[in-house]
Amino acid sequence: MLVLVIGATGGTGSLVTDRLLADDHDVRAAVRRPEQADDLAAGVQPVVADLEGDLGHAFEKVDAVMFCAGSGSQTGADATLRVDLHGAVRTIDAAVAHGVSRYVMLSSIAAGDPMQAPESM
């Protein structure tokens, strides 16, 4: 199975990537910049795809998607909306457009009702 990991260079994303490789899956990792490919495990196919830009090509021939991306704790609310919300929606739309039926999203507390989360979230 070919799994696209979005956020593969982050802490959790790299653990997910390692686990997928250990289970003999083919892994494609979406990276924002070409130089991030150097941070990927051996055997991972990098593809440059930005959550705020062009990303549809990353979904070609993909069987499943694992969304591990996040704007990070050091960014403001605007980046959280652009990446964590709008970026996620764009990847869901791309998965649907490419016929990908398996989509797993790593999320956080109150993901089902974000307006009820603590202000610090």
PDB file of N, CA and C in Angstrom:
ATOM      1  N   MET A   1       0.848  -1.175   0.000  1.00  0.00           N
ATOM      2  CA  MET A   1       0.000   0.000   0.000  1.00  0.00           C
ATOM      3  C   MET A   1       0.892   1.234   0.000  1.00  0.00           C
ATOM      4  N   LEU A   2       0.564   2.222  -0.830  1.00  0.00           N
ATOM      5  CA  LEU A   2       1.290   3.494  -0.863  1.00  0.00           C
ATOM      6  C   LEU A   2       0.568   4.482   0.045  1.00  0.00           C
ATOM      7  N   VAL A   3       1.292   4.938   1.072  1.00  0.00           N
ATOM      8  CA  VAL A   3       0.729   5.857   2.053  1.00  0.00           C
ATOM      9  C   VAL A   3       1.426   7.204   1.932  1.00  0.00           C
ATOM     10  N   LEU A   4       0.640   8.252   1.763  1.00  0.00           N
ATOM     11  CA  LEU A   4       1.158   9.609   1.765  1.00  0.00           C
ATOM     12  C   LEU A   4       1.125  10.123   3.198  1.00  0.00           C
ATOM     13  N   VAL A   5       2.282  10.506   3.722  1.00  0.00           N
ATOM     14  CA  VAL A   5       2.361  11.065   5.065  1.00  0.00           C
ATOM     15  C   VAL A   5       2.583  12.571   4.934  1.00  0.00           C
ATOM     16  N   ILE A   6       1.657  13.320   5.463  1.00  0.00           N
ATOM     17  CA  ILE A   6       1.745  14.776   5.448  1.00  0.00           C
ATOM     18  C   ILE A   6       2.200  15.183   6.844  1.00  0.00           C
ATOM     19  N   GLY A   7       3.333  15.869   6.900  1.00  0.00           N
ATOM     20  CA  GLY A   7       3.939  16.190   8.189  1.00  0.00           C
ATOM     21  C   GLY A   7       4.984  15.161   8.594  1.00  0.00           C
ATOM     22  N   ALA A   8       5.555  14.492   7.606  1.00  0.00           N
ATOM     23  CA  ALA A   8       6.488  13.385   7.863  1.00  0.00           C
ATOM     24  C   ALA A   8       7.801  13.816   8.500  1.00  0.00           C
ATOM     25  N   THR A   9       8.169  15.084   8.400  1.00  0.00           N
ATOM     26  CA  THR A   9       9.432  15.524   8.980  1.00  0.00           C
ATOM     27  C   THR A   9       9.289  15.962  10.429  1.00  0.00           C
ATOM     28  N   GLY A  10       8.073  15.978  10.946  1.00  0.00           N
ATOM     29  CA  GLY A  10       7.856  16.321  12.352  1.00  0.00           C
ATOM     30  C   GLY A  10       8.076  15.117  13.246  1.00  0.00           C
ATOM     31  N   GLY A  11       7.990  15.331  14.526  1.00  0.00           N
ATOM     32  CA  GLY A  11       8.229  14.265  15.503  1.00  0.00           C
ATOM     33  C   GLY A  11       7.301  13.072  15.328  1.00  0.00           C
ATOM     34  N   THR A  12       6.009  13.305  15.363  1.00  0.00           N
ATOM     35  CA  THR A  12       5.052  12.215  15.214  1.00  0.00           C
ATOM     36  C   THR A  12       5.051  11.676  13.797  1.00  0.00           C
ATOM     37  N   GLY A  13       5.126  12.566  12.810  1.00  0.00           N
ATOM     38  CA  GLY A  13       5.134  12.131  11.418  1.00  0.00           C
ATOM     39  C   GLY A  13       6.301  11.221  11.103  1.00  0.00           C
ATOM     40  N   SER A  14       7.468  11.491  11.665  1.00  0.00           N
ATOM     41  CA  SER A  14       8.621  10.625  11.409  1.00  0.00           C
ATOM     42  C   SER A  14       8.443   9.262  12.073  1.00  0.00           C
ATOM     43  N   LEU A  15       7.797   9.222  13.237  1.00  0.00           N
ATOM     44  CA  LEU A  15       7.498   7.941  13.881  1.00  0.00           C
ATOM     45  C   LEU A  15       6.493   7.131  13.057  1.00  0.00           C
ATOM     46  N   VAL A  16       5.490   7.817  12.518  1.00  0.00           N
ATOM     47  CA  VAL A  16       4.500   7.148  11.662  1.00  0.00           C
ATOM     48  C   VAL A  16       5.186   6.592  10.420  1.00  0.00           C
ATOM     49  N   THR A  17       6.050   7.390   9.824  1.00  0.00           N
ATOM     50  CA  THR A  17       6.785   6.959   8.633  1.00  0.00           C
ATOM     51  C   THR A  17       7.624   5.722   8.930  1.00  0.00           C
ATOM     52  N   ASP A  18       8.351   5.740  10.041  1.00  0.00           N
ATOM     53  CA  ASP A  18       9.171   4.588  10.426  1.00  0.00           C
ATOM     54  C   ASP A  18       8.316   3.336  10.601  1.00  0.00           C
ATOM     55  N   ARG A  19       7.153   3.495  11.221  1.00  0.00           N
ATOM     56  CA  ARG A  19       6.264   2.349  11.462  1.00  0.00           C
ATOM     57  C   ARG A  19       5.723   1.787  10.147  1.00  0.00           C
ATOM     58  N   LEU A  20       5.342   2.680   9.244  1.00  0.00           N
ATOM     59  CA  LEU A  20       4.841   2.241   7.942  1.00  0.00           C
ATOM     60  C   LEU A  20       5.917   1.471   7.179  1.00  0.00           C
ATOM     61  N   LEU A  21       7.143   1.978   7.197  1.00  0.00           N
ATOM     62  CA  LEU A  21       8.249   1.278   6.527  1.00  0.00           C
ATOM     63  C   LEU A  21       8.491  -0.084   7.159  1.00  0.00           C
ATOM     64  N   ALA A  22       8.446  -0.153   8.480  1.00  0.00           N
ATOM     65  CA  ALA A  22       8.660  -1.417   9.186  1.00  0.00           C
ATOM     66  C   ALA A  22       7.587  -2.438   8.830  1.00  0.00           C
ATOM     67  N   ASP A  23       6.402  -1.950   8.506  1.00  0.00           N
ATOM     68  CA  ASP A  23       5.290  -2.832   8.120  1.00  0.00           C
ATOM     69  C   ASP A  23       5.233  -3.055   6.611  1.00  0.00           C
ATOM     70  N   ASP A  24       6.318  -2.722   5.913  1.00  0.00           N
ATOM     71  CA  ASP A  24       6.479  -2.957   4.476  1.00  0.00           C
ATOM     72  C   ASP A  24       5.532  -2.177   3.584  1.00  0.00           C
ATOM     73  N   HIS A  25       5.120  -0.997   4.029  1.00  0.00           N
ATOM     74  CA  HIS A  25       4.326  -0.127   3.168  1.00  0.00           C
ATOM     75  C   HIS A  25       5.270   0.754   2.355  1.00  0.00           C
ATOM     76  N   ASP A  26       4.810   1.190   1.205  1.00  0.00           N
ATOM     77  CA  ASP A  26       5.513   2.208   0.442  1.00  0.00           C
ATOM     78  C   ASP A  26       5.077   3.550   1.009  1.00  0.00           C
ATOM     79  N   VAL A  27       6.051   4.431   1.230  1.00  0.00           N
ATOM     80  CA  VAL A  27       5.749   5.714   1.873  1.00  0.00           C
ATOM     81  C   VAL A  27       6.186   6.869   0.991  1.00  0.00           C
ATOM     82  N   ARG A  28       5.261   7.794   0.798  1.00  0.00           N
ATOM     83  CA  ARG A  28       5.542   9.062   0.127  1.00  0.00           C
ATOM     84  C   ARG A  28       5.361  10.148   1.180  1.00  0.00           C
ATOM     85  N   ALA A  29       6.315  11.046   1.268  1.00  0.00           N
ATOM     86  CA  ALA A  29       6.252  12.109   2.265  1.00  0.00           C
ATOM     87  C   ALA A  29       6.123  13.461   1.591  1.00  0.00           C
ATOM     88  N   ALA A  30       5.110  14.201   1.970  1.00  0.00           N
ATOM     89  CA  ALA A  30       4.937  15.560   1.471  1.00  0.00           C
ATOM     90  C   ALA A  30       5.853  16.479   2.265  1.00  0.00           C
ATOM     91  N   VAL A  31       6.710  17.197   1.556  1.00  0.00           N
ATOM     92  CA  VAL A  31       7.600  18.177   2.183  1.00  0.00           C
ATOM     93  C   VAL A  31       7.369  19.534   1.534  1.00  0.00           C
ATOM     94  N   ARG A  32       7.526  20.598   2.314  1.00  0.00           N
ATOM     95  CA  ARG A  32       7.317  21.944   1.774  1.00  0.00           C
ATOM     96  C   ARG A  32       8.471  22.409   0.904  1.00  0.00           C
ATOM     97  N   ARG A  33       9.678  22.008   1.293  1.00  0.00           N
ATOM     98  CA  ARG A  33      10.874  22.449   0.582  1.00  0.00           C
ATOM     99  C   ARG A  33      11.726  21.245   0.200  1.00  0.00           C
ATOM    100  N   PRO A  34      12.344  21.258  -0.968  1.00  0.00           N
ATOM    101  CA  PRO A  34      13.142  20.106  -1.421  1.00  0.00           C
ATOM    102  C   PRO A  34      14.214  19.665  -0.421  1.00  0.00           C
ATOM    103  N   GLU A  35      14.846  20.611   0.272  1.00  0.00           N
ATOM    104  CA  GLU A  35      15.907  20.246   1.209  1.00  0.00           C
ATOM    105  C   GLU A  35      15.406  19.436   2.408  1.00  0.00           C
ATOM    106  N   GLN A  36      14.106  19.448   2.668  1.00  0.00           N
ATOM    107  CA  GLN A  36      13.553  18.646   3.754  1.00  0.00           C
ATOM    108  C   GLN A  36      13.620  17.151   3.441  1.00  0.00           C
ATOM    109  N   ALA A  37      13.779  16.807   2.187  1.00  0.00           N
ATOM    110  CA  ALA A  37      13.885  15.396   1.805  1.00  0.00           C
ATOM    111  C   ALA A  37      15.086  14.736   2.487  1.00  0.00           C
ATOM    112  N   ASP A  38      16.113  15.532   2.807  1.00  0.00           N
ATOM    113  CA  ASP A  38      17.293  15.002   3.478  1.00  0.00           C
ATOM    114  C   ASP A  38      16.977  14.485   4.879  1.00  0.00           C
ATOM    115  N   ASP A  39      15.868  14.945   5.464  1.00  0.00           N
ATOM    116  CA  ASP A  39      15.484  14.540   6.817  1.00  0.00           C
ATOM    117  C   ASP A  39      14.644  13.271   6.854  1.00  0.00           C
ATOM    118  N   LEU A  40      14.320  12.731   5.692  1.00  0.00           N
ATOM    119  CA  LEU A  40      13.449  11.560   5.626  1.00  0.00           C
ATOM    120  C   LEU A  40      14.250  10.263   5.738  1.00  0.00           C
ATOM    121  N   ALA A  41      13.596   9.235   6.223  1.00  0.00           N
ATOM    122  CA  ALA A  41      14.218   7.917   6.329  1.00  0.00           C
ATOM    123  C   ALA A  41      14.497   7.358   4.939  1.00  0.00           C
ATOM    124  N   ALA A  42      15.494   6.493   4.872  1.00  0.00           N
ATOM    125  CA  ALA A  42      15.819   5.818   3.603  1.00  0.00           C
ATOM    126  C   ALA A  42      14.597   5.053   3.127  1.00  0.00           C
ATOM    127  N   GLY A  43      14.334   5.131   1.848  1.00  0.00           N
ATOM    128  CA  GLY A  43      13.210   4.409   1.266  1.00  0.00           C
ATOM    129  C   GLY A  43      11.938   5.223   1.145  1.00  0.00           C
ATOM    130  N   VAL A  44      11.920   6.407   1.737  1.00  0.00           N
ATOM    131  CA  VAL A  44      10.739   7.264   1.654  1.00  0.00           C
ATOM    132  C   VAL A  44      10.845   8.113   0.392  1.00  0.00           C
ATOM    133  N   GLN A  45       9.757   8.157  -0.366  1.00  0.00           N
ATOM    134  CA  GLN A  45       9.700   8.954  -1.595  1.00  0.00           C
ATOM    135  C   GLN A  45       9.234  10.366  -1.250  1.00  0.00           C
ATOM    136  N   PRO A  46      10.109  11.366  -1.377  1.00  0.00           N
ATOM    137  CA  PRO A  46       9.670  12.731  -1.084  1.00  0.00           C
ATOM    138  C   PRO A  46       8.909  13.337  -2.262  1.00  0.00           C
ATOM    139  N   VAL A  47       7.960  14.181  -1.949  1.00  0.00           N
ATOM    140  CA  VAL A  47       7.251  14.955  -2.964  1.00  0.00           C
ATOM    141  C   VAL A  47       7.039  16.354  -2.389  1.00  0.00           C
ATOM    142  N   VAL A  48       7.429  17.361  -3.147  1.00  0.00           N
ATOM    143  CA  VAL A  48       7.254  18.737  -2.685  1.00  0.00           C
ATOM    144  C   VAL A  48       5.788  19.115  -2.872  1.00  0.00           C
ATOM    145  N   ALA A  49       5.141  19.421  -1.758  1.00  0.00           N
ATOM    146  CA  ALA A  49       3.716  19.770  -1.764  1.00  0.00           C
ATOM    147  C   ALA A  49       3.436  20.616  -0.534  1.00  0.00           C
ATOM    148  N   ASP A  50       2.996  21.823  -0.732  1.00  0.00           N
ATOM    149  CA  ASP A  50       2.757  22.762   0.348  1.00  0.00           C
ATOM    150  C   ASP A  50       1.263  22.816   0.665  1.00  0.00           C
ATOM    151  N   LEU A  51       0.925  22.740   1.940  1.00  0.00           N
ATOM    152  CA  LEU A  51      -0.482  22.799   2.341  1.00  0.00           C
ATOM    153  C   LEU A  51      -1.147  24.107   1.941  1.00  0.00           C
ATOM    154  N   GLU A  52      -0.341  25.138   1.722  1.00  0.00           N
ATOM    155  CA  GLU A  52      -0.885  26.425   1.326  1.00  0.00           C
ATOM    156  C   GLU A  52      -0.721  26.677  -0.173  1.00  0.00           C
ATOM    157  N   GLY A  53      -0.212  25.688  -0.903  1.00  0.00           N
ATOM    158  CA  GLY A  53       0.015  25.858  -2.333  1.00  0.00           C
ATOM    159  C   GLY A  53      -0.405  24.634  -3.108  1.00  0.00           C
ATOM    160  N   ASP A  54       0.407  24.284  -4.089  1.00  0.00           N
ATOM    161  CA  ASP A  54       0.117  23.151  -4.963  1.00  0.00           C
ATOM    162  C   ASP A  54       0.368  21.839  -4.231  1.00  0.00           C
ATOM    163  N   LEU A  55      -0.626  20.983  -4.186  1.00  0.00           N
ATOM    164  CA  LEU A  55      -0.441  19.704  -3.498  1.00  0.00           C
ATOM    165  C   LEU A  55      -1.148  18.522  -4.136  1.00  0.00           C
ATOM    166  N   GLY A  56      -1.997  18.743  -5.109  1.00  0.00           N
ATOM    167  CA  GLY A  56      -2.775  17.659  -5.708  1.00  0.00           C
ATOM    168  C   GLY A  56      -1.924  16.537  -6.274  1.00  0.00           C
ATOM    169  N   HIS A  57      -0.789  16.888  -6.872  1.00  0.00           N
ATOM    170  CA  HIS A  57       0.076  15.875  -7.482  1.00  0.00           C
ATOM    171  C   HIS A  57       0.602  14.860  -6.467  1.00  0.00           C
ATOM    172  N   ALA A  58       0.679  15.229  -5.204  1.00  0.00           N
ATOM    173  CA  ALA A  58       1.189  14.322  -4.169  1.00  0.00           C
ATOM    174  C   ALA A  58       0.258  13.138  -3.950  1.00  0.00           C
ATOM    175  N   PHE A  59      -0.994  13.247  -4.358  1.00  0.00           N
ATOM    176  CA  PHE A  59      -2.002  12.225  -4.098  1.00  0.00           C
ATOM    177  C   PHE A  59      -2.138  11.208  -5.225  1.00  0.00           C
ATOM    178  N   GLU A  60      -1.384  11.375  -6.280  1.00  0.00           N
ATOM    179  CA  GLU A  60      -1.483  10.462  -7.418  1.00  0.00           C
ATOM    180  C   GLU A  60      -1.064   9.050  -7.022  1.00  0.00           C
ATOM    181  N   LYS A  61      -1.931   8.076  -7.301  1.00  0.00           N
ATOM    182  CA  LYS A  61      -1.707   6.646  -7.054  1.00  0.00           C
ATOM    183  C   LYS A  61      -1.552   6.292  -5.574  1.00  0.00           C
ATOM    184  N   VAL A  62      -2.013   7.167  -4.685  1.00  0.00           N
ATOM    185  CA  VAL A  62      -1.932   6.940  -3.247  1.00  0.00           C
ATOM    186  C   VAL A  62      -3.113   6.086  -2.798  1.00  0.00           C
ATOM    187  N   ASP A  63      -2.850   5.141  -1.893  1.00  0.00           N
ATOM    188  CA  ASP A  63      -3.903   4.287  -1.337  1.00  0.00           C
ATOM    189  C   ASP A  63      -4.454   4.820  -0.021  1.00  0.00           C
ATOM    190  N   ALA A  64      -3.628   5.552   0.718  1.00  0.00           N
ATOM    191  CA  ALA A  64      -4.033   6.060   2.025  1.00  0.00           C
ATOM    192  C   ALA A  64      -3.247   7.319   2.344  1.00  0.00           C
ATOM    193  N   VAL A  65      -3.828   8.149   3.209  1.00  0.00           N
ATOM    194  CA  VAL A  65      -3.193   9.391   3.642  1.00  0.00           C
ATOM    195  C   VAL A  65      -3.154   9.406   5.163  1.00  0.00           C
ATOM    196  N   MET A  66      -2.021   9.822   5.709  1.00  0.00           N
ATOM    197  CA  MET A  66      -1.884  10.058   7.144  1.00  0.00           C
ATOM    198  C   MET A  66      -1.512  11.521   7.324  1.00  0.00           C
ATOM    199  N   PHE A  67      -2.406  12.298   7.926  1.00  0.00           N
ATOM    200  CA  PHE A  67      -2.189  13.730   8.120  1.00  0.00           C
ATOM    201  C   PHE A  67      -1.638  13.958   9.518  1.00  0.00           C
ATOM    202  N   CYS A  68      -0.348  14.317   9.593  1.00  0.00           N
ATOM    203  CA  CYS A  68       0.330  14.570  10.868  1.00  0.00           C
ATOM    204  C   CYS A  68       0.823  16.008  10.968  1.00  0.00           C
ATOM    205  N   ALA A  69       0.450  16.846  10.025  1.00  0.00           N
ATOM    206  CA  ALA A  69       0.973  18.212   9.974  1.00  0.00           C
ATOM    207  C   ALA A  69       0.312  19.096  11.023  1.00  0.00           C
ATOM    208  N   GLY A  70       1.031  20.120  11.384  1.00  0.00           N
ATOM    209  CA  GLY A  70       0.504  21.122  12.294  1.00  0.00           C
ATOM    210  C   GLY A  70       1.351  22.373  12.210  1.00  0.00           C
ATOM    211  N   SER A  71       0.761  23.492  12.496  1.00  0.00           N
ATOM    212  CA  SER A  71       1.481  24.757  12.379  1.00  0.00           C
ATOM    213  C   SER A  71       2.525  24.919  13.476  1.00  0.00           C
ATOM    214  N   GLY A  72       2.371  24.201  14.564  1.00  0.00           N
ATOM    215  CA  GLY A  72       3.341  24.284  15.653  1.00  0.00           C
ATOM    216  C   GLY A  72       2.913  25.264  16.729  1.00  0.00           C
ATOM    217  N   SER A  73       3.478  25.081  17.888  1.00  0.00           N
ATOM    218  CA  SER A  73       3.078  25.885  19.042  1.00  0.00           C
ATOM    219  C   SER A  73       3.646  27.294  19.016  1.00  0.00           C
ATOM    220  N   GLN A  74       4.602  27.565  18.148  1.00  0.00           N
ATOM    221  CA  GLN A  74       5.234  28.882  18.113  1.00  0.00           C
ATOM    222  C   GLN A  74       4.608  29.816  17.085  1.00  0.00           C
ATOM    223  N   THR A  75       3.539  29.376  16.431  1.00  0.00           N
ATOM    224  CA  THR A  75       2.896  30.202  15.414  1.00  0.00           C
ATOM    225  C   THR A  75       1.643  30.848  15.984  1.00  0.00           C
ATOM    226  N   GLY A  76       1.135  31.795  15.268  1.00  0.00           N
ATOM    227  CA  GLY A  76      -0.073  32.483  15.707  1.00  0.00           C
ATOM    228  C   GLY A  76      -1.333  31.818  15.194  1.00  0.00           C
ATOM    229  N   ALA A  77      -2.449  32.416  15.554  1.00  0.00           N
ATOM    230  CA  ALA A  77      -3.748  31.874  15.166  1.00  0.00           C
ATOM    231  C   ALA A  77      -3.927  31.835  13.656  1.00  0.00           C
ATOM    232  N   ASP A  78      -3.336  32.812  12.951  1.00  0.00           N
ATOM    233  CA  ASP A  78      -3.476  32.835  11.495  1.00  0.00           C
ATOM    234  C   ASP A  78      -2.831  31.608  10.858  1.00  0.00           C
ATOM    235  N   ALA A  79      -1.650  31.212  11.329  1.00  0.00           N
ATOM    236  CA  ALA A  79      -0.982  30.025  10.791  1.00  0.00           C
ATOM    237  C   ALA A  79      -1.747  28.764  11.175  1.00  0.00           C
ATOM    238  N   THR A  80      -2.305  28.746  12.361  1.00  0.00           N
ATOM    239  CA  THR A  80      -3.095  27.594  12.784  1.00  0.00           C
ATOM    240  C   THR A  80      -4.285  27.397  11.848  1.00  0.00           C
ATOM    241  N   LEU A  81      -4.946  28.470  11.500  1.00  0.00           N
ATOM    242  CA  LEU A  81      -6.071  28.375  10.564  1.00  0.00           C
ATOM    243  C   LEU A  81      -5.612  27.965   9.173  1.00  0.00           C
ATOM    244  N   ARG A  82      -4.523  28.560   8.677  1.00  0.00           N
ATOM    245  CA  ARG A  82      -4.036  28.261   7.330  1.00  0.00           C
ATOM    246  C   ARG A  82      -3.569  26.816   7.194  1.00  0.00           C
ATOM    247  N   VAL A  83      -2.881  26.309   8.189  1.00  0.00           N
ATOM    248  CA  VAL A  83      -2.301  24.966   8.105  1.00  0.00           C
ATOM    249  C   VAL A  83      -3.223  23.911   8.700  1.00  0.00           C
ATOM    250  N   ASP A  84      -3.564  24.077   9.970  1.00  0.00           N
ATOM    251  CA  ASP A  84      -4.298  23.039  10.694  1.00  0.00           C
ATOM    252  C   ASP A  84      -5.742  22.880  10.220  1.00  0.00           C
ATOM    253  N   LEU A  85      -6.352  23.960   9.822  1.00  0.00           N
ATOM    254  CA  LEU A  85      -7.738  23.881   9.345  1.00  0.00           C
ATOM    255  C   LEU A  85      -7.798  23.835   7.812  1.00  0.00           C
ATOM    256  N   HIS A  86      -7.419  24.932   7.181  1.00  0.00           N
ATOM    257  CA  HIS A  86      -7.566  25.015   5.726  1.00  0.00           C
ATOM    258  C   HIS A  86      -6.653  24.026   4.996  1.00  0.00           C
ATOM    259  N   GLY A  87      -5.453  23.826   5.511  1.00  0.00           N
ATOM    260  CA  GLY A  87      -4.549  22.841   4.909  1.00  0.00           C
ATOM    261  C   GLY A  87      -5.123  21.442   4.988  1.00  0.00           C
ATOM    262  N   ALA A  88      -5.694  21.127   6.142  1.00  0.00           N
ATOM    263  CA  ALA A  88      -6.312  19.803   6.305  1.00  0.00           C
ATOM    264  C   ALA A  88      -7.489  19.629   5.352  1.00  0.00           C
ATOM    265  N   VAL A  89      -8.321  20.627   5.244  1.00  0.00           N
ATOM    266  CA  VAL A  89      -9.479  20.546   4.339  1.00  0.00           C
ATOM    267  C   VAL A  89      -9.003  20.373   2.896  1.00  0.00           C
ATOM    268  N   ARG A  90      -7.961  21.102   2.518  1.00  0.00           N
ATOM    269  CA  ARG A  90      -7.430  20.969   1.152  1.00  0.00           C
ATOM    270  C   ARG A  90      -6.926  19.551   0.901  1.00  0.00           C
ATOM    271  N   THR A  91      -6.302  18.924   1.897  1.00  0.00           N
ATOM    272  CA  THR A  91      -5.812  17.562   1.686  1.00  0.00           C
ATOM    273  C   THR A  91      -6.961  16.566   1.625  1.00  0.00           C
ATOM    274  N   ILE A  92      -7.996  16.796   2.382  1.00  0.00           N
ATOM    275  CA  ILE A  92      -9.178  15.929   2.313  1.00  0.00           C
ATOM    276  C   ILE A  92      -9.803  16.045   0.922  1.00  0.00           C
ATOM    277  N   ASP A  93      -9.942  17.265   0.442  1.00  0.00           N
ATOM    278  CA  ASP A  93     -10.496  17.482  -0.898  1.00  0.00           C
ATOM    279  C   ASP A  93      -9.632  16.799  -1.966  1.00  0.00           C
ATOM    280  N   ALA A  94      -8.304  16.894  -1.829  1.00  0.00           N
ATOM    281  CA  ALA A  94      -7.404  16.265  -2.797  1.00  0.00           C
ATOM    282  C   ALA A  94      -7.521  14.743  -2.733  1.00  0.00           C
ATOM    283  N   ALA A  95      -7.655  14.210  -1.529  1.00  0.00           N
ATOM    284  CA  ALA A  95      -7.816  12.759  -1.382  1.00  0.00           C
ATOM    285  C   ALA A  95      -9.096  12.298  -2.073  1.00  0.00           C
ATOM    286  N   VAL A  96     -10.175  13.017  -1.863  1.00  0.00           N
ATOM    287  CA  VAL A  96     -11.447  12.674  -2.503  1.00  0.00           C
ATOM    288  C   VAL A  96     -11.308  12.766  -4.025  1.00  0.00           C
ATOM    289  N   ALA A  97     -10.687  13.838  -4.501  1.00  0.00           N
ATOM    290  CA  ALA A  97     -10.524  14.038  -5.945  1.00  0.00           C
ATOM    291  C   ALA A  97      -9.699  12.934  -6.594  1.00  0.00           C
ATOM    292  N   HIS A  98      -8.782  12.333  -5.830  1.00  0.00           N
ATOM    293  CA  HIS A  98      -7.926  11.276  -6.362  1.00  0.00           C
ATOM    294  C   HIS A  98      -8.422   9.872  -5.989  1.00  0.00           C
ATOM    295  N   GLY A  99      -9.605   9.793  -5.418  1.00  0.00           N
ATOM    296  CA  GLY A  99     -10.194   8.490  -5.105  1.00  0.00           C
ATOM    297  C   GLY A  99      -9.530   7.760  -3.955  1.00  0.00           C
ATOM    298  N   VAL A 100      -8.876   8.487  -3.057  1.00  0.00           N
ATOM    299  CA  VAL A 100      -8.237   7.875  -1.892  1.00  0.00           C
ATOM    300  C   VAL A 100      -9.314   7.655  -0.830  1.00  0.00           C
ATOM    301  N   SER A 101      -9.542   6.412  -0.464  1.00  0.00           N
ATOM    302  CA  SER A 101     -10.633   6.112   0.467  1.00  0.00           C
ATOM    303  C   SER A 101     -10.186   5.991   1.923  1.00  0.00           C
ATOM    304  N   ARG A 102      -8.891   5.992   2.169  1.00  0.00           N
ATOM    305  CA  ARG A 102      -8.381   5.888   3.549  1.00  0.00           C
ATOM    306  C   ARG A 102      -7.663   7.184   3.910  1.00  0.00           C
ATOM    307  N   TYR A 103      -8.172   7.868   4.919  1.00  0.00           N
ATOM    308  CA  TYR A 103      -7.600   9.133   5.360  1.00  0.00           C
ATOM    309  C   TYR A 103      -7.621   9.135   6.882  1.00  0.00           C
ATOM    310  N   VAL A 104      -6.441   9.238   7.482  1.00  0.00           N
ATOM    311  CA  VAL A 104      -6.333   9.272   8.943  1.00  0.00           C
ATOM    312  C   VAL A 104      -5.740  10.610   9.338  1.00  0.00           C
ATOM    313  N   MET A 105      -6.391  11.268  10.278  1.00  0.00           N
ATOM    314  CA  MET A 105      -5.915  12.572  10.731  1.00  0.00           C
ATOM    315  C   MET A 105      -5.522  12.501  12.198  1.00  0.00           C
ATOM    316  N   LEU A 106      -4.281  12.849  12.447  1.00  0.00           N
ATOM    317  CA  LEU A 106      -3.816  13.014  13.810  1.00  0.00           C
ATOM    318  C   LEU A 106      -4.357  14.352  14.279  1.00  0.00           C
ATOM    319  N   SER A 107      -4.962  14.390  15.422  1.00  0.00           N
ATOM    320  CA  SER A 107      -5.575  15.623  15.865  1.00  0.00           C
ATOM    321  C   SER A 107      -5.305  15.849  17.342  1.00  0.00           C
ATOM    322  N   SER A 108      -6.110  16.685  17.947  1.00  0.00           N
ATOM    323  CA  SER A 108      -5.903  17.046  19.344  1.00  0.00           C
ATOM    324  C   SER A 108      -7.223  17.094  20.084  1.00  0.00           C
ATOM    325  N   ILE A 109      -7.124  17.457  21.315  1.00  0.00           N
ATOM    326  CA  ILE A 109      -8.299  17.601  22.159  1.00  0.00           C
ATOM    327  C   ILE A 109      -9.299  18.564  21.505  1.00  0.00           C
ATOM    328  N   ALA A 110     -10.553  18.253  21.599  1.00  0.00           N
ATOM    329  CA  ALA A 110     -11.644  19.101  21.111  1.00  0.00           C
ATOM    330  C   ALA A 110     -11.667  19.244  19.601  1.00  0.00           C
ATOM    331  N   ALA A 111     -11.094  18.307  18.875  1.00  0.00           N
ATOM    332  CA  ALA A 111     -11.072  18.408  17.418  1.00  0.00           C
ATOM    333  C   ALA A 111     -12.477  18.387  16.833  1.00  0.00           C
ATOM    334  N   GLY A 112     -13.399  17.683  17.478  1.00  0.00           N
ATOM    335  CA  GLY A 112     -14.761  17.601  16.984  1.00  0.00           C
ATOM    336  C   GLY A 112     -15.555  18.882  17.194  1.00  0.00           C
ATOM    337  N   ASP A 113     -15.129  19.697  18.133  1.00  0.00           N
ATOM    338  CA  ASP A 113     -15.807  20.957  18.426  1.00  0.00           C
ATOM    339  C   ASP A 113     -14.762  21.975  18.868  1.00  0.00           C
ATOM    340  N   PRO A 114     -13.962  22.479  17.914  1.00  0.00           N
ATOM    341  CA  PRO A 114     -12.824  23.320  18.265  1.00  0.00           C
ATOM    342  C   PRO A 114     -13.161  24.573  19.061  1.00  0.00           C
ATOM    343  N   MET A 115     -14.374  25.085  18.925  1.00  0.00           N
ATOM    344  CA  MET A 115     -14.719  26.295  19.645  1.00  0.00           C
ATOM    345  C   MET A 115     -14.878  26.032  21.141  1.00  0.00           C
ATOM    346  N   GLN A 116     -14.951  24.770  21.541  1.00  0.00           N
ATOM    347  CA  GLN A 116     -15.062  24.427  22.958  1.00  0.00           C
ATOM    348  C   GLN A 116     -13.707  24.165  23.604  1.00  0.00           C
ATOM    349  N   ALA A 117     -12.645  24.175  22.816  1.00  0.00           N
ATOM    350  CA  ALA A 117     -11.303  23.945  23.343  1.00  0.00           C
ATOM    351  C   ALA A 117     -10.870  25.137  24.196  1.00  0.00           C
ATOM    352  N   PRO A 118      -9.931  24.897  25.089  1.00  0.00           N
ATOM    353  CA  PRO A 118      -9.424  26.027  25.888  1.00  0.00           C
ATOM    354  C   PRO A 118      -8.811  27.100  24.983  1.00  0.00           C
ATOM    355  N   GLU A 119      -8.849  28.336  25.429  1.00  0.00           N
ATOM    356  CA  GLU A 119      -8.322  29.442  24.636  1.00  0.00           C
ATOM    357  C   GLU A 119      -6.868  29.212  24.237  1.00  0.00           C
ATOM    358  N   SER A 120      -6.096  28.546  25.092  1.00  0.00           N
ATOM    359  CA  SER A 120      -4.685  28.295  24.797  1.00  0.00           C
ATOM    360  C   SER A 120      -4.492  27.396  23.582  1.00  0.00           C
ATOM    361  N   MET A 121      -5.509  26.624  23.203  1.00  0.00           N
ATOM    362  CA  MET A 121      -5.417  25.763  22.029  1.00  0.00           C
ATOM    363  C   MET A 121      -5.570  26.581  20.768  1.00  0.00           C
TER     364      MET A 121
END
